[in-house]
Amino acid sequence: MSSEPYDVVVAGAGTAGMLTAALVAGRGHRVLLLERDPCPGVLPGGVVRQRSTAVNVVIEGERVAGLRHLPEGAPARTARARCVVDASGGDSLLRRHVAGARGSSGLAVYACFRADTGRAEGPRRFPFGNGWFWTAPAGDGLTQVGAVVRPDLADRVRADPEGALSGFAEACPPVRDLLTGAARAAGGPGRVRVRPHWSYTDHRLWRRGMLLVGDAACAVGAQSLPSLGTHLACRGAGLAARALDGFLRGTADEAEAFAEFERRYREAYDSVLRDGILPDECLPHGGTFPPPGLSAGAARAGVSR
């Protein structure tokens, strides 16, 4: 098993992993980016290895000291590094070395309604006492309406999903007004469905020699606007790059830098769940985030600070 040295090894070339690798490499550090699937393979200042699966971390004493990976059709290799960044997604096999068990953050109950299309703009997000509602166009004149509520309300929701959704709507004036005079859609789209809401944040986001970013660290559920997950991933990448740069240059203590990374990342996650990040709570039809160009998206996420 061959070995090679780097400053940082990043597992996963999704939004968080690619941006973290690019930012750290751009600050003059030697970076290896691993991706198990095909990827563009361009990382100025760094090395990209696609079709190479992260297998496990290397632990020496109390710290992570590298990453074992398996290139497609080649022998296993070990990349030694001063820090490993796990950006390999919500199904990461590496995160267990940092974080504990993960569970659902709540329950989602939802259905499609035929409402006044003049009031069914969105997607939109509305907080209320027991959680938050989302509304979004569902095609064919339908609007999907759903509530994400606390886990302690699960028994109430499962016992009477239709009644629970109706009761929650009454407690949220914008949704109550939207549904005034609306009718549930016929057939499958109108069926009230219940599912776990997989917004989560891990118990810990770092240990000595290792950080978690992207869905390996935290994520908003599928009912949230896609742009919010992108924003959160970019924000985490920027915070990780800042912490790593300080540690690698010796201008910041590792524990202090990584603890600050976790604190600010959790603040960003809490803001997404609480406020939805987007100031007007609305993403117009055809809207995109991040804006065209990686640097624009990175700037909005605050990675330049």
C-alpha atoms as a PDB file:
ATOM      1  CA  MET A   1       0.000   0.000   0.000  1.00  0.00           C
ATOM      2  CA  SER A   2       1.705   3.205  -1.194  1.00  0.00           C
ATOM      3  CA  SER A   3       1.679   6.448   0.796  1.00  0.00           C
ATOM      4  CA  GLU A   4       1.798  10.122  -0.194  1.00  0.00           C
ATOM      5  CA  PRO A   5       1.885  13.347   1.889  1.00  0.00           C
ATOM      6  CA  TYR A   6      -0.514  16.314   1.685  1.00  0.00           C
ATOM      7  CA  ASP A   7      -1.564  19.212   3.861  1.00  0.00           C
ATOM      8  CA  VAL A   8      -5.261  18.390   3.431  1.00  0.00           C
ATOM      9  CA  VAL A   9      -7.158  15.451   1.947  1.00  0.00           C
ATOM     10  CA  VAL A  10     -10.805  16.075   1.067  1.00  0.00           C
ATOM     11  CA  ALA A  11     -13.168  13.123   0.563  1.00  0.00           C
ATOM     12  CA  GLY A  12     -16.051  14.003  -1.747  1.00  0.00           C
ATOM     13  CA  ALA A  13     -16.234  16.449  -4.679  1.00  0.00           C
ATOM     14  CA  GLY A  14     -19.743  17.765  -4.167  1.00  0.00           C
ATOM     15  CA  THR A  15     -20.425  21.440  -3.496  1.00  0.00           C
ATOM     16  CA  ALA A  16     -18.856  21.485  -0.015  1.00  0.00           C
ATOM     17  CA  GLY A  17     -15.892  19.271  -0.854  1.00  0.00           C
ATOM     18  CA  MET A  18     -14.965  20.932  -4.139  1.00  0.00           C
ATOM     19  CA  LEU A  19     -15.231  24.427  -2.681  1.00  0.00           C
ATOM     20  CA  THR A  20     -13.251  23.525   0.449  1.00  0.00           C
ATOM     21  CA  ALA A  21     -10.506  21.966  -1.662  1.00  0.00           C
ATOM     22  CA  ALA A  22     -10.394  24.930  -4.052  1.00  0.00           C
ATOM     23  CA  LEU A  23     -10.218  27.513  -1.281  1.00  0.00           C
ATOM     24  CA  VAL A  24      -7.511  25.693   0.688  1.00  0.00           C
ATOM     25  CA  ALA A  25      -5.448  24.990  -2.445  1.00  0.00           C
ATOM     26  CA  GLY A  26      -5.862  28.614  -3.467  1.00  0.00           C
ATOM     27  CA  ARG A  27      -4.149  29.651  -0.239  1.00  0.00           C
ATOM     28  CA  GLY A  28      -1.035  27.721  -1.164  1.00  0.00           C
ATOM     29  CA  HIS A  29      -1.597  24.420   0.627  1.00  0.00           C
ATOM     30  CA  ARG A  30      -1.088  20.982  -0.934  1.00  0.00           C
ATOM     31  CA  VAL A  31      -4.541  19.425  -1.358  1.00  0.00           C
ATOM     32  CA  LEU A  32      -5.778  16.049  -2.570  1.00  0.00           C
ATOM     33  CA  LEU A  33      -9.452  15.776  -3.561  1.00  0.00           C
ATOM     34  CA  LEU A  34     -10.928  12.269  -3.798  1.00  0.00           C
ATOM     35  CA  GLU A  35     -14.216  11.443  -5.522  1.00  0.00           C
ATOM     36  CA  ARG A  36     -15.667   7.961  -5.969  1.00  0.00           C
ATOM     37  CA  ASP A  37     -17.609   8.984  -9.109  1.00  0.00           C
ATOM     38  CA  PRO A  38     -16.478  10.718 -12.311  1.00  0.00           C
ATOM     39  CA  CYS A  39     -15.924  14.465 -11.791  1.00  0.00           C
ATOM     40  CA  PRO A  40     -14.485  17.373 -13.816  1.00  0.00           C
ATOM     41  CA  GLY A  41     -11.029  16.740 -12.382  1.00  0.00           C
ATOM     42  CA  VAL A  42      -9.898  20.377 -12.345  1.00  0.00           C
ATOM     43  CA  LEU A  43      -8.537  21.866  -9.118  1.00  0.00           C
ATOM     44  CA  PRO A  44      -5.990  24.668  -9.630  1.00  0.00           C
ATOM     45  CA  GLY A  45      -3.157  24.132  -7.183  1.00  0.00           C
ATOM     46  CA  GLY A  46      -4.399  20.739  -6.073  1.00  0.00           C
ATOM     47  CA  VAL A  47      -4.683  17.103  -7.140  1.00  0.00           C
ATOM     48  CA  VAL A  48      -7.975  15.429  -8.065  1.00  0.00           C
ATOM     49  CA  ARG A  49      -8.426  11.666  -8.122  1.00  0.00           C
ATOM     50  CA  GLN A  50     -11.797  10.597  -9.454  1.00  0.00           C
ATOM     51  CA  ARG A  51     -13.143   7.060  -9.223  1.00  0.00           C
ATOM     52  CA  SER A  52     -11.275   6.662  -5.949  1.00  0.00           C
ATOM     53  CA  THR A  53     -13.271   5.615  -2.897  1.00  0.00           C
ATOM     54  CA  ALA A  54     -12.375   6.763   0.613  1.00  0.00           C
ATOM     55  CA  VAL A  55     -12.143   3.610   2.727  1.00  0.00           C
ATOM     56  CA  ASN A  56     -11.091   4.707   6.216  1.00  0.00           C
ATOM     57  CA  VAL A  57      -9.059   7.264   8.096  1.00  0.00           C
ATOM     58  CA  VAL A  58      -5.602   6.713   9.530  1.00  0.00           C
ATOM     59  CA  ILE A  59      -5.477   7.373  13.265  1.00  0.00           C
ATOM     60  CA  GLU A  60      -2.256   7.904  15.158  1.00  0.00           C
ATOM     61  CA  GLY A  61      -2.625   8.501  18.864  1.00  0.00           C
ATOM     62  CA  GLU A  62      -5.403  11.037  19.391  1.00  0.00           C
ATOM     63  CA  ARG A  63      -5.488  12.507  15.906  1.00  0.00           C
ATOM     64  CA  VAL A  64      -6.417  11.609  12.349  1.00  0.00           C
ATOM     65  CA  ALA A  65      -3.265  11.517  10.245  1.00  0.00           C
ATOM     66  CA  GLY A  66      -4.474  10.533   6.778  1.00  0.00           C
ATOM     67  CA  LEU A  67      -6.959   8.691   4.634  1.00  0.00           C
ATOM     68  CA  ARG A  68      -6.944   5.286   2.977  1.00  0.00           C
ATOM     69  CA  HIS A  69      -8.546   5.203  -0.455  1.00  0.00           C
ATOM     70  CA  LEU A  70      -9.121   2.653  -3.180  1.00  0.00           C
ATOM     71  CA  PRO A  71      -8.637   3.833  -6.793  1.00  0.00           C
ATOM     72  CA  GLU A  72     -10.734   1.969  -9.342  1.00  0.00           C
ATOM     73  CA  GLY A  73      -8.732  -0.924 -10.749  1.00  0.00           C
ATOM     74  CA  ALA A  74      -5.638  -0.147  -8.672  1.00  0.00           C
ATOM     75  CA  PRO A  75      -4.165  -1.122  -5.278  1.00  0.00           C
ATOM     76  CA  ALA A  76      -5.226   0.731  -2.141  1.00  0.00           C
ATOM     77  CA  ARG A  77      -3.274   3.852  -1.247  1.00  0.00           C
ATOM     78  CA  THR A  78      -2.751   5.930   1.883  1.00  0.00           C
ATOM     79  CA  ALA A  79      -2.708   9.711   1.684  1.00  0.00           C
ATOM     80  CA  ARG A  80      -1.079  11.153   4.781  1.00  0.00           C
ATOM     81  CA  ALA A  81      -2.237  14.642   5.695  1.00  0.00           C
ATOM     82  CA  ARG A  82      -2.210  17.189   8.475  1.00  0.00           C
ATOM     83  CA  CYS A  83      -5.999  17.241   8.204  1.00  0.00           C
ATOM     84  CA  VAL A  84      -8.744  15.180   6.561  1.00  0.00           C
ATOM     85  CA  VAL A  85     -12.000  16.833   5.478  1.00  0.00           C
ATOM     86  CA  ASP A  86     -14.989  14.509   5.166  1.00  0.00           C
ATOM     87  CA  ALA A  87     -17.373  15.890   2.546  1.00  0.00           C
ATOM     88  CA  SER A  88     -18.561  12.489   1.345  1.00  0.00           C
ATOM     89  CA  GLY A  89     -22.262  13.045   2.023  1.00  0.00           C
ATOM     90  CA  GLY A  90     -25.004  11.989   4.392  1.00  0.00           C
ATOM     91  CA  ASP A  91     -24.131   8.310   3.977  1.00  0.00           C
ATOM     92  CA  SER A  92     -20.488   8.902   4.896  1.00  0.00           C
ATOM     93  CA  LEU A  93     -18.560   5.961   6.309  1.00  0.00           C
ATOM     94  CA  LEU A  94     -15.907   8.292   7.730  1.00  0.00           C
ATOM     95  CA  ARG A  95     -18.006  10.603   9.913  1.00  0.00           C
ATOM     96  CA  ARG A  96     -18.290   7.958  12.660  1.00  0.00           C
ATOM     97  CA  HIS A  97     -14.726   8.827  13.650  1.00  0.00           C
ATOM     98  CA  VAL A  98     -15.947  12.296  14.645  1.00  0.00           C
ATOM     99  CA  ALA A  99     -19.667  12.209  15.354  1.00  0.00           C
ATOM    100  CA  GLY A 100     -22.092   9.927  17.129  1.00  0.00           C
ATOM    101  CA  ALA A 101     -25.396   8.489  15.989  1.00  0.00           C
ATOM    102  CA  ARG A 102     -27.784  10.521  13.896  1.00  0.00           C
ATOM    103  CA  GLY A 103     -31.560  10.650  14.107  1.00  0.00           C
ATOM    104  CA  SER A 104     -34.526  12.429  12.567  1.00  0.00           C
ATOM    105  CA  SER A 105     -35.011  16.055  13.619  1.00  0.00           C
ATOM    106  CA  GLY A 106     -38.777  15.875  13.343  1.00  0.00           C
ATOM    107  CA  LEU A 107     -41.733  14.717  11.300  1.00  0.00           C
ATOM    108  CA  ALA A 108     -43.091  16.082   8.031  1.00  0.00           C
ATOM    109  CA  VAL A 109     -46.820  15.862   7.213  1.00  0.00           C
ATOM    110  CA  TYR A 110     -47.952  17.109   3.812  1.00  0.00           C
ATOM    111  CA  ALA A 111     -50.411  16.903   0.912  1.00  0.00           C
ATOM    112  CA  CYS A 112     -51.286  18.673  -2.335  1.00  0.00           C
ATOM    113  CA  PHE A 113     -54.150  21.153  -2.578  1.00  0.00           C
ATOM    114  CA  ARG A 114     -55.928  22.940  -5.395  1.00  0.00           C
ATOM    115  CA  ALA A 115     -55.634  26.517  -4.203  1.00  0.00           C
ATOM    116  CA  ASP A 116     -55.904  29.979  -5.710  1.00  0.00           C
ATOM    117  CA  THR A 117     -52.787  30.085  -7.886  1.00  0.00           C
ATOM    118  CA  GLY A 118     -52.513  33.815  -7.343  1.00  0.00           C
ATOM    119  CA  ARG A 119     -51.646  33.095  -3.714  1.00  0.00           C
ATOM    120  CA  ALA A 120     -49.660  29.916  -4.252  1.00  0.00           C
ATOM    121  CA  GLU A 121     -46.381  31.540  -5.258  1.00  0.00           C
ATOM    122  CA  GLY A 122     -43.206  30.064  -3.933  1.00  0.00           C
ATOM    123  CA  PRO A 123     -41.570  27.954  -2.780  1.00  0.00           C
ATOM    124  CA  ARG A 124     -42.178  29.665   0.543  1.00  0.00           C
ATOM    125  CA  ARG A 125     -41.463  28.875   4.179  1.00  0.00           C
ATOM    126  CA  PHE A 126     -43.443  30.008   7.240  1.00  0.00           C
ATOM    127  CA  PRO A 127     -42.511  29.410  10.909  1.00  0.00           C
ATOM    128  CA  PHE A 128     -45.197  28.684  13.491  1.00  0.00           C
ATOM    129  CA  GLY A 129     -45.328  27.539  17.105  1.00  0.00           C
ATOM    130  CA  ASN A 130     -44.761  23.820  16.528  1.00  0.00           C
ATOM    131  CA  GLY A 131     -42.248  24.064  13.685  1.00  0.00           C
ATOM    132  CA  TRP A 132     -42.527  25.442  10.164  1.00  0.00           C
ATOM    133  CA  PHE A 133     -44.597  25.126   7.001  1.00  0.00           C
ATOM    134  CA  TRP A 134     -43.500  24.980   3.387  1.00  0.00           C
ATOM    135  CA  THR A 135     -45.631  25.639   0.328  1.00  0.00           C
ATOM    136  CA  ALA A 136     -44.549  25.043  -3.249  1.00  0.00           C
ATOM    137  CA  PRO A 137     -46.136  24.739  -6.698  1.00  0.00           C
ATOM    138  CA  ALA A 138     -46.639  21.058  -7.554  1.00  0.00           C
ATOM    139  CA  GLY A 139     -47.754  21.354 -11.185  1.00  0.00           C
ATOM    140  CA  ASP A 140     -51.196  21.041 -12.780  1.00  0.00           C
ATOM    141  CA  GLY A 141     -52.494  23.915 -10.656  1.00  0.00           C
ATOM    142  CA  LEU A 142     -51.668  22.140  -7.392  1.00  0.00           C
ATOM    143  CA  THR A 143     -49.781  23.448  -4.378  1.00  0.00           C
ATOM    144  CA  GLN A 144     -47.910  21.173  -1.992  1.00  0.00           C
ATOM    145  CA  VAL A 145     -48.403  22.214   1.618  1.00  0.00           C
ATOM    146  CA  GLY A 146     -46.535  20.579   4.476  1.00  0.00           C
ATOM    147  CA  ALA A 147     -45.479  21.094   8.051  1.00  0.00           C
ATOM    148  CA  VAL A 148     -42.289  19.974   9.768  1.00  0.00           C
ATOM    149  CA  VAL A 149     -42.925  19.573  13.486  1.00  0.00           C
ATOM    150  CA  ARG A 150     -41.057  18.470  16.604  1.00  0.00           C
ATOM    151  CA  PRO A 151     -40.458  14.753  17.266  1.00  0.00           C
ATOM    152  CA  ASP A 152     -42.606  14.884  20.416  1.00  0.00           C
ATOM    153  CA  LEU A 153     -45.671  15.513  18.207  1.00  0.00           C
ATOM    154  CA  ALA A 154     -45.149  12.273  16.295  1.00  0.00           C
ATOM    155  CA  ASP A 155     -47.923  10.329  18.056  1.00  0.00           C
ATOM    156  CA  ARG A 156     -50.462  13.054  17.320  1.00  0.00           C
ATOM    157  CA  VAL A 157     -49.451  13.236  13.661  1.00  0.00           C
ATOM    158  CA  ARG A 158     -49.450   9.479  13.075  1.00  0.00           C
ATOM    159  CA  ALA A 159     -52.782   8.975  14.859  1.00  0.00           C
ATOM    160  CA  ASP A 160     -54.586  11.504  12.639  1.00  0.00           C
ATOM    161  CA  PRO A 161     -52.408  12.930   9.836  1.00  0.00           C
ATOM    162  CA  GLU A 162     -55.269  14.800   8.178  1.00  0.00           C
ATOM    163  CA  GLY A 163     -56.442  16.362  11.429  1.00  0.00           C
ATOM    164  CA  ALA A 164     -52.892  17.221  12.467  1.00  0.00           C
ATOM    165  CA  LEU A 165     -52.141  18.989   9.191  1.00  0.00           C
ATOM    166  CA  SER A 166     -55.400  20.915   9.401  1.00  0.00           C
ATOM    167  CA  GLY A 167     -54.726  21.909  13.009  1.00  0.00           C
ATOM    168  CA  PHE A 168     -51.188  23.037  12.271  1.00  0.00           C
ATOM    169  CA  ALA A 169     -52.461  25.112   9.332  1.00  0.00           C
ATOM    170  CA  GLU A 170     -54.922  26.888  11.616  1.00  0.00           C
ATOM    171  CA  ALA A 171     -51.994  27.889  13.833  1.00  0.00           C
ATOM    172  CA  CYS A 172     -50.071  29.406  10.901  1.00  0.00           C
ATOM    173  CA  PRO A 173     -52.018  32.398   9.494  1.00  0.00           C
ATOM    174  CA  PRO A 174     -50.334  32.569   6.045  1.00  0.00           C
ATOM    175  CA  VAL A 175     -51.038  28.881   5.426  1.00  0.00           C
ATOM    176  CA  ARG A 176     -54.530  29.117   6.906  1.00  0.00           C
ATOM    177  CA  ASP A 177     -55.306  31.960   4.494  1.00  0.00           C
ATOM    178  CA  LEU A 178     -53.792  30.075   1.548  1.00  0.00           C
ATOM    179  CA  LEU A 179     -55.982  27.049   2.234  1.00  0.00           C
ATOM    180  CA  THR A 180     -59.203  29.011   2.771  1.00  0.00           C
ATOM    181  CA  GLY A 181     -61.543  27.696   0.100  1.00  0.00           C
ATOM    182  CA  ALA A 182     -58.920  25.212  -1.169  1.00  0.00           C
ATOM    183  CA  ALA A 183     -59.622  21.514  -1.655  1.00  0.00           C
ATOM    184  CA  ARG A 184     -57.257  18.600  -1.306  1.00  0.00           C
ATOM    185  CA  ALA A 185     -56.233  17.176  -4.647  1.00  0.00           C
ATOM    186  CA  ALA A 186     -57.909  14.022  -5.869  1.00  0.00           C
ATOM    187  CA  GLY A 187     -56.115  10.689  -5.794  1.00  0.00           C
ATOM    188  CA  GLY A 188     -52.543  10.127  -4.702  1.00  0.00           C
ATOM    189  CA  PRO A 189     -51.369  13.764  -4.681  1.00  0.00           C
ATOM    190  CA  GLY A 190     -54.103  14.643  -2.182  1.00  0.00           C
ATOM    191  CA  ARG A 191     -53.245  11.853   0.244  1.00  0.00           C
ATOM    192  CA  VAL A 192     -51.825  13.197   3.503  1.00  0.00           C
ATOM    193  CA  ARG A 193     -48.363  11.680   3.877  1.00  0.00           C
ATOM    194  CA  VAL A 194     -46.073  11.420   6.890  1.00  0.00           C
ATOM    195  CA  ARG A 195     -42.319  10.902   6.810  1.00  0.00           C
ATOM    196  CA  PRO A 196     -39.279  11.629   8.973  1.00  0.00           C
ATOM    197  CA  HIS A 197     -37.729  15.018   8.307  1.00  0.00           C
ATOM    198  CA  TRP A 198     -34.013  14.493   7.829  1.00  0.00           C
ATOM    199  CA  SER A 199     -32.656  17.851   8.776  1.00  0.00           C
ATOM    200  CA  TYR A 200     -29.789  17.060  11.096  1.00  0.00           C
ATOM    201  CA  THR A 201     -26.546  18.237  12.547  1.00  0.00           C
ATOM    202  CA  ASP A 202     -23.943  15.885  13.950  1.00  0.00           C
ATOM    203  CA  HIS A 203     -23.044  15.924  17.641  1.00  0.00           C
ATOM    204  CA  ARG A 204     -19.484  16.939  16.787  1.00  0.00           C
ATOM    205  CA  LEU A 205     -18.087  18.453  13.603  1.00  0.00           C
ATOM    206  CA  TRP A 206     -14.361  18.035  14.267  1.00  0.00           C
ATOM    207  CA  ARG A 207     -11.642  16.186  16.075  1.00  0.00           C
ATOM    208  CA  ARG A 208      -7.896  16.677  15.925  1.00  0.00           C
ATOM    209  CA  GLY A 209      -6.888  16.211  12.317  1.00  0.00           C
ATOM    210  CA  MET A 210     -10.412  15.998  10.860  1.00  0.00           C
ATOM    211  CA  LEU A 211     -13.394  18.210   9.947  1.00  0.00           C
ATOM    212  CA  LEU A 212     -16.880  17.403   8.647  1.00  0.00           C
ATOM    213  CA  VAL A 213     -18.505  19.608   5.997  1.00  0.00           C
ATOM    214  CA  GLY A 214     -21.525  19.393   3.711  1.00  0.00           C
ATOM    215  CA  ASP A 215     -24.055  16.616   4.283  1.00  0.00           C
ATOM    216  CA  ALA A 216     -21.492  14.661   6.318  1.00  0.00           C
ATOM    217  CA  ALA A 217     -21.863  17.414   8.933  1.00  0.00           C
ATOM    218  CA  CYS A 218     -25.396  18.725   8.611  1.00  0.00           C
ATOM    219  CA  ALA A 219     -28.199  19.069   6.093  1.00  0.00           C
ATOM    220  CA  VAL A 220     -31.671  20.451   5.661  1.00  0.00           C
ATOM    221  CA  GLY A 221     -34.427  18.033   4.728  1.00  0.00           C
ATOM    222  CA  ALA A 222     -35.799  17.335   1.287  1.00  0.00           C
ATOM    223  CA  GLN A 223     -38.781  19.589   1.997  1.00  0.00           C
ATOM    224  CA  SER A 224     -36.514  22.650   2.246  1.00  0.00           C
ATOM    225  CA  LEU A 225     -35.590  24.817  -0.721  1.00  0.00           C
ATOM    226  CA  PRO A 226     -32.648  23.306  -2.636  1.00  0.00           C
ATOM    227  CA  SER A 227     -30.880  26.678  -2.478  1.00  0.00           C
ATOM    228  CA  LEU A 228     -30.719  26.465   1.309  1.00  0.00           C
ATOM    229  CA  GLY A 229     -28.688  23.255   1.179  1.00  0.00           C
ATOM    230  CA  THR A 230     -26.333  24.864  -1.346  1.00  0.00           C
ATOM    231  CA  HIS A 231     -25.952  27.944   0.819  1.00  0.00           C
ATOM    232  CA  LEU A 232     -25.214  25.830   3.875  1.00  0.00           C
ATOM    233  CA  ALA A 233     -22.648  23.728   1.997  1.00  0.00           C
ATOM    234  CA  CYS A 234     -20.864  26.850   0.695  1.00  0.00           C
ATOM    235  CA  ARG A 235     -20.912  28.424   4.126  1.00  0.00           C
ATOM    236  CA  GLY A 236     -19.403  25.319   5.716  1.00  0.00           C
ATOM    237  CA  ALA A 237     -16.702  25.148   3.056  1.00  0.00           C
ATOM    238  CA  GLY A 238     -15.728  28.748   3.650  1.00  0.00           C
ATOM    239  CA  LEU A 239     -15.556  28.306   7.403  1.00  0.00           C
ATOM    240  CA  ALA A 240     -13.553  25.093   7.035  1.00  0.00           C
ATOM    241  CA  ALA A 241     -11.071  26.748   4.666  1.00  0.00           C
ATOM    242  CA  ARG A 242     -10.542  29.624   7.056  1.00  0.00           C
ATOM    243  CA  ALA A 243      -9.934  27.293  10.014  1.00  0.00           C
ATOM    244  CA  LEU A 244      -7.610  25.063   8.012  1.00  0.00           C
ATOM    245  CA  ASP A 245      -5.573  27.966   6.662  1.00  0.00           C
ATOM    246  CA  GLY A 246      -4.958  29.349  10.136  1.00  0.00           C
ATOM    247  CA  PHE A 247      -3.991  25.947  11.510  1.00  0.00           C
ATOM    248  CA  LEU A 248      -1.717  25.048   8.591  1.00  0.00           C
ATOM    249  CA  ARG A 249       0.068  28.398   8.669  1.00  0.00           C
ATOM    250  CA  GLY A 250       0.555  28.168  12.427  1.00  0.00           C
ATOM    251  CA  THR A 251      -1.305  31.424  13.058  1.00  0.00           C
ATOM    252  CA  ALA A 252      -4.118  29.685  14.959  1.00  0.00           C
ATOM    253  CA  ASP A 253      -4.298  26.878  17.495  1.00  0.00           C
ATOM    254  CA  GLU A 254      -5.960  23.832  15.932  1.00  0.00           C
ATOM    255  CA  ALA A 255      -8.496  23.285  18.709  1.00  0.00           C
ATOM    256  CA  GLU A 256      -9.458  26.954  18.861  1.00  0.00           C
ATOM    257  CA  ALA A 257      -9.723  27.304  15.077  1.00  0.00           C
ATOM    258  CA  PHE A 258     -11.776  24.131  14.655  1.00  0.00           C
ATOM    259  CA  ALA A 259     -14.051  24.973  17.603  1.00  0.00           C
ATOM    260  CA  GLU A 260     -14.749  28.378  16.040  1.00  0.00           C
ATOM    261  CA  PHE A 261     -15.484  26.621  12.737  1.00  0.00           C
ATOM    262  CA  GLU A 262     -18.043  24.405  14.479  1.00  0.00           C
ATOM    263  CA  ARG A 263     -19.652  27.269  16.384  1.00  0.00           C
ATOM    264  CA  ARG A 264     -20.171  29.377  13.264  1.00  0.00           C
ATOM    265  CA  TYR A 265     -21.285  26.392  11.170  1.00  0.00           C
ATOM    266  CA  ARG A 266     -23.941  25.528  13.753  1.00  0.00           C
ATOM    267  CA  GLU A 267     -25.103  29.151  13.741  1.00  0.00           C
ATOM    268  CA  ALA A 268     -25.529  28.953   9.969  1.00  0.00           C
ATOM    269  CA  TYR A 269     -27.442  25.661  10.264  1.00  0.00           C
ATOM    270  CA  ASP A 270     -29.728  27.048  12.967  1.00  0.00           C
ATOM    271  CA  SER A 271     -30.363  30.120  10.825  1.00  0.00           C
ATOM    272  CA  VAL A 272     -31.416  27.963   7.883  1.00  0.00           C
ATOM    273  CA  LEU A 273     -33.901  25.990   9.993  1.00  0.00           C
ATOM    274  CA  ARG A 274     -35.211  29.052  11.815  1.00  0.00           C
ATOM    275  CA  ASP A 275     -35.284  31.722   9.123  1.00  0.00           C
ATOM    276  CA  GLY A 276     -34.782  29.952   5.844  1.00  0.00           C
ATOM    277  CA  ILE A 277     -31.790  32.242   5.111  1.00  0.00           C
ATOM    278  CA  LEU A 278     -33.432  33.910   2.128  1.00  0.00           C
ATOM    279  CA  PRO A 279     -34.608  37.318   3.430  1.00  0.00           C
ATOM    280  CA  ASP A 280     -37.986  37.399   1.644  1.00  0.00           C
ATOM    281  CA  GLU A 281     -38.706  33.724   2.355  1.00  0.00           C
ATOM    282  CA  CYS A 282     -39.347  33.241  -1.363  1.00  0.00           C
ATOM    283  CA  LEU A 283     -37.389  31.859  -4.321  1.00  0.00           C
ATOM    284  CA  PRO A 284     -39.088  33.103  -7.520  1.00  0.00           C
ATOM    285  CA  HIS A 285     -39.774  30.672 -10.343  1.00  0.00           C
ATOM    286  CA  GLY A 286     -36.601  30.211 -12.328  1.00  0.00           C
ATOM    287  CA  GLY A 287     -34.446  31.654  -9.547  1.00  0.00           C
ATOM    288  CA  THR A 288     -31.044  30.092  -9.022  1.00  0.00           C
ATOM    289  CA  PHE A 289     -28.592  29.949  -6.159  1.00  0.00           C
ATOM    290  CA  PRO A 290     -25.708  30.239  -6.081  1.00  0.00           C
ATOM    291  CA  PRO A 291     -25.523  32.844  -8.849  1.00  0.00           C
ATOM    292  CA  PRO A 292     -23.582  31.915 -11.996  1.00  0.00           C
ATOM    293  CA  GLY A 293     -19.891  31.618 -11.195  1.00  0.00           C
ATOM    294  CA  LEU A 294     -18.398  29.905  -8.177  1.00  0.00           C
ATOM    295  CA  SER A 295     -16.830  33.070  -6.810  1.00  0.00           C
ATOM    296  CA  ALA A 296     -20.203  34.792  -6.636  1.00  0.00           C
ATOM    297  CA  GLY A 297     -21.718  31.907  -4.708  1.00  0.00           C
ATOM    298  CA  ALA A 298     -18.721  31.758  -2.405  1.00  0.00           C
ATOM    299  CA  ALA A 299     -18.945  35.475  -1.722  1.00  0.00           C
ATOM    300  CA  ARG A 300     -22.612  35.209  -0.749  1.00  0.00           C
ATOM    301  CA  ALA A 301     -21.802  32.368   1.608  1.00  0.00           C
ATOM    302  CA  GLY A 302     -19.196  34.522   3.303  1.00  0.00           C
ATOM    303  CA  VAL A 303     -16.134  32.464   2.378  1.00  0.00           C
ATOM    304  CA  SER A 304     -14.017  35.548   1.788  1.00  0.00           C
ATOM    305  CA  ARG A 305     -14.289  36.688   5.385  1.00  0.00           C
END
